C-alpha atoms as a PDB file:
ATOM      1  CA  MET A   1     117.999  94.014  85.733  1.00  0.00           C
ATOM      2  CA  LYS A   2     115.747  91.883  83.549  1.00  0.00           C
ATOM      3  CA  TYR A   3     113.526  88.938  84.522  1.00  0.00           C
ATOM      4  CA  LEU A   4     111.569  85.869  82.643  1.00  0.00           C
ATOM      5  CA  VAL A   5     108.213  84.857  83.490  1.00  0.00           C
ATOM      6  CA  THR A   6     107.329  81.865  81.907  1.00  0.00           C
ATOM      7  CA  ASP A   7     104.751  79.891  83.034  1.00  0.00           C
ATOM      8  CA  ASP A   8     101.243  78.603  80.361  1.00  0.00           C
ATOM      9  CA  SER A   9      98.948  79.871  83.192  1.00  0.00           C
ATOM     10  CA  ARG A  10      98.250  83.941  82.502  1.00  0.00           C
ATOM     11  CA  LEU A  11      97.092  83.963  85.937  1.00  0.00           C
ATOM     12  CA  ALA A  12     100.224  82.812  87.343  1.00  0.00           C
ATOM     13  CA  ARG A  13     102.382  84.904  85.066  1.00  0.00           C
ATOM     14  CA  ARG A  14     100.058  88.333  85.962  1.00  0.00           C
ATOM     15  CA  VAL A  15     100.495  87.252  89.617  1.00  0.00           C
ATOM     16  CA  LEU A  16     104.457  86.852  89.472  1.00  0.00           C
ATOM     17  CA  VAL A  17     105.141  90.076  86.903  1.00  0.00           C
ATOM     18  CA  LYS A  18     102.661  92.049  89.436  1.00  0.00           C
ATOM     19  CA  SER A  19     104.523  91.783  92.290  1.00  0.00           C
ATOM     20  CA  LEU A  20     108.080  91.929  90.538  1.00  0.00           C
ATOM     21  CA  LEU A  21     107.164  95.390  89.442  1.00  0.00           C
ATOM     22  CA  THR A  22     106.065  96.340  92.840  1.00  0.00           C
ATOM     23  CA  LEU A  23     109.486  94.826  94.472  1.00  0.00           C
ATOM     24  CA  THR A  24     111.840  95.940  91.957  1.00  0.00           C
ATOM     25  CA  LYS A  25     109.933  98.682  89.669  1.00  0.00           C
ATOM     26  CA  GLU A  26     111.665  97.083  86.689  1.00  0.00           C
ATOM     27  CA  GLU A  27     110.210  97.682  83.425  1.00  0.00           C
ATOM     28  CA  ASN A  28     112.823  94.978  81.765  1.00  0.00           C
ATOM     29  CA  ILE A  29     110.109  92.075  82.766  1.00  0.00           C
ATOM     30  CA  PHE A  30     109.316  89.444  79.551  1.00  0.00           C
ATOM     31  CA  GLN A  31     106.959  86.750  79.691  1.00  0.00           C
ATOM     32  CA  ALA A  32     106.762  83.240  77.826  1.00  0.00           C
ATOM     33  CA  THR A  33     103.648  80.982  77.576  1.00  0.00           C
ATOM     34  CA  ASN A  34     105.957  77.650  77.489  1.00  0.00           C
ATOM     35  CA  GLY A  35     109.858  76.382  77.102  1.00  0.00           C
ATOM     36  CA  LEU A  36     109.894  77.281  73.454  1.00  0.00           C
ATOM     37  CA  GLU A  37     109.017  80.813  74.138  1.00  0.00           C
ATOM     38  CA  ALA A  38     111.286  81.262  77.067  1.00  0.00           C
ATOM     39  CA  ILE A  39     114.355  80.565  74.703  1.00  0.00           C
ATOM     40  CA  GLN A  40     113.041  82.644  72.131  1.00  0.00           C
ATOM     41  CA  VAL A  41     113.257  85.794  74.593  1.00  0.00           C
ATOM     42  CA  MET A  42     116.520  83.908  76.135  1.00  0.00           C
ATOM     43  CA  LEU A  43     118.297  84.665  72.908  1.00  0.00           C
ATOM     44  CA  LYS A  44     116.974  88.155  72.266  1.00  0.00           C
ATOM     45  CA  GLU A  45     116.745  90.034  75.797  1.00  0.00           C
ATOM     46  CA  ARG A  46     119.151  87.764  77.783  1.00  0.00           C
ATOM     47  CA  PRO A  47     117.565  88.082  81.512  1.00  0.00           C
ATOM     48  CA  ASP A  48     119.223  87.650  84.672  1.00  0.00           C
ATOM     49  CA  ILE A  49     116.520  85.808  86.391  1.00  0.00           C
ATOM     50  CA  VAL A  50     114.137  83.444  84.969  1.00  0.00           C
ATOM     51  CA  PHE A  51     111.174  82.314  86.992  1.00  0.00           C
ATOM     52  CA  LEU A  52     109.641  78.932  85.276  1.00  0.00           C
ATOM     53  CA  ASP A  53     107.149  76.859  85.575  1.00  0.00           C
ATOM     54  CA  LEU A  54     107.985  73.221  84.539  1.00  0.00           C
ATOM     55  CA  THR A  55     104.922  71.522  83.020  1.00  0.00           C
ATOM     56  CA  MET A  56     103.940  73.461  79.839  1.00  0.00           C
ATOM     57  CA  PRO A  57     103.010  72.798  76.270  1.00  0.00           C
ATOM     58  CA  GLU A  58     105.532  72.450  73.510  1.00  0.00           C
ATOM     59  CA  MET A  59     108.476  72.576  75.094  1.00  0.00           C
ATOM     60  CA  ASP A  60     108.369  71.895  79.410  1.00  0.00           C
ATOM     61  CA  GLY A  61     110.404  73.551  82.019  1.00  0.00           C
ATOM     62  CA  TYR A  62     112.665  70.479  82.078  1.00  0.00           C
ATOM     63  CA  THR A  63     113.745  70.616  79.024  1.00  0.00           C
ATOM     64  CA  ALA A  64     114.161  74.247  78.364  1.00  0.00           C
ATOM     65  CA  LEU A  65     116.220  74.688  81.634  1.00  0.00           C
ATOM     66  CA  PRO A  66     119.975  73.330  80.047  1.00  0.00           C
ATOM     67  CA  LYS A  67     118.941  75.421  77.429  1.00  0.00           C
ATOM     68  CA  PHE A  68     119.211  78.682  79.451  1.00  0.00           C
ATOM     69  CA  PHE A  69     122.659  78.181  80.561  1.00  0.00           C
ATOM     70  CA  LYS A  70     124.090  77.331  77.053  1.00  0.00           C
ATOM     71  CA  ILE A  71     122.491  80.934  76.115  1.00  0.00           C
ATOM     72  CA  LYS A  72     123.696  82.656  78.917  1.00  0.00           C
ATOM     73  CA  PRO A  73     125.520  80.427  81.684  1.00  0.00           C
ATOM     74  CA  ASP A  74     125.304  82.854  84.272  1.00  0.00           C
ATOM     75  CA  VAL A  75     121.637  83.468  84.264  1.00  0.00           C
ATOM     76  CA  LYS A  76     119.391  82.651  87.653  1.00  0.00           C
ATOM     77  CA  VAL A  77     116.556  80.396  87.014  1.00  0.00           C
ATOM     78  CA  VAL A  78     113.964  79.788  89.834  1.00  0.00           C
ATOM     79  CA  VAL A  79     111.707  77.072  88.993  1.00  0.00           C
ATOM     80  CA  VAL A  80     108.199  77.734  90.057  1.00  0.00           C
ATOM     81  CA  SER A  81     105.824  74.404  90.267  1.00  0.00           C
ATOM     82  CA  ALA A  82     102.968  72.645  91.735  1.00  0.00           C
ATOM     83  CA  ASP A  83     104.861  69.457  91.526  1.00  0.00           C
ATOM     84  CA  VAL A  84     106.552  69.476  95.286  1.00  0.00           C
ATOM     85  CA  GLN A  85     107.596  66.028  94.090  1.00  0.00           C
ATOM     86  CA  GLU A  86     110.856  65.407  96.152  1.00  0.00           C
ATOM     87  CA  GLN A  87     112.434  63.959  92.821  1.00  0.00           C
ATOM     88  CA  ALA A  88     111.008  66.978  91.150  1.00  0.00           C
ATOM     89  CA  LYS A  89     113.057  69.275  93.294  1.00  0.00           C
ATOM     90  CA  GLU A  90     116.262  67.118  92.704  1.00  0.00           C
ATOM     91  CA  ARG A  91     116.431  67.068  88.949  1.00  0.00           C
ATOM     92  CA  VAL A  92     115.942  70.741  88.705  1.00  0.00           C
ATOM     93  CA  LEU A  93     118.252  71.696  91.064  1.00  0.00           C
ATOM     94  CA  ALA A  94     120.628  68.781  89.347  1.00  0.00           C
ATOM     95  CA  LEU A  95     120.182  70.968  86.211  1.00  0.00           C
ATOM     96  CA  GLY A  96     121.225  74.168  87.393  1.00  0.00           C
ATOM     97  CA  ALA A  97     118.560  76.040  88.774  1.00  0.00           C
ATOM     98  CA  SER A  98     119.326  78.213  91.899  1.00  0.00           C
ATOM     99  CA  LEU A  99     115.691  77.736  93.479  1.00  0.00           C
ATOM    100  CA  HIS A 100     112.297  75.303  93.168  1.00  0.00           C
ATOM    101  CA  VAL A 101     109.806  77.022  95.493  1.00  0.00           C
ATOM    102  CA  ASN A 102     106.074  75.732  95.152  1.00  0.00           C
ATOM    103  CA  LYS A 103     102.879  77.491  93.737  1.00  0.00           C
ATOM    104  CA  PRO A 104     101.918  80.081  94.287  1.00  0.00           C
ATOM    105  CA  ILE A 105     104.551  83.026  95.352  1.00  0.00           C
ATOM    106  CA  ASN A 106     103.078  85.971  97.299  1.00  0.00           C
ATOM    107  CA  GLU A 107     104.850  88.762  97.311  1.00  0.00           C
ATOM    108  CA  GLN A 108     106.856  88.570 100.417  1.00  0.00           C
ATOM    109  CA  LYS A 109     108.219  85.024  99.063  1.00  0.00           C
ATOM    110  CA  LEU A 110     109.362  86.786  96.110  1.00  0.00           C
ATOM    111  CA  LYS A 111     111.180  89.519  98.222  1.00  0.00           C
ATOM    112  CA  GLU A 112     113.112  86.428  99.820  1.00  0.00           C
ATOM    113  CA  ILE A 113     113.811  84.718  96.686  1.00  0.00           C
ATOM    114  CA  LEU A 114     115.335  88.183  95.164  1.00  0.00           C
ATOM    115  CA  GLU A 115     117.101  88.862  98.282  1.00  0.00           C
ATOM    116  CA  SER A 116     118.592  85.375  98.562  1.00  0.00           C
ATOM    117  CA  LEU A 117     119.918  85.170  94.490  1.00  0.00           C
END
């Protein structure tokens, strides 16, 4: 299994990667700081699960999300965002995201997410 963590916050990426390593023992965890980098990683590594922030420089999560499915139609995308507005949640789910969860994600919440996918 391959994972991609996309967030412009180094701290948010570090916390999520650490939890993924603990829960999955998986070493195929890639990182991107914005949607543009995430697309490049998608093309090269073809991850199975993407954790995606919405508000980032270069290319935001809303723009990157549909592009992921063109690269890998069966990718699972979990939007992890501080934007808790119902409108944002509805929009990302309509774009194909599997889940929209609020930041931050603790290890227990991540375990539940991984089990649900």
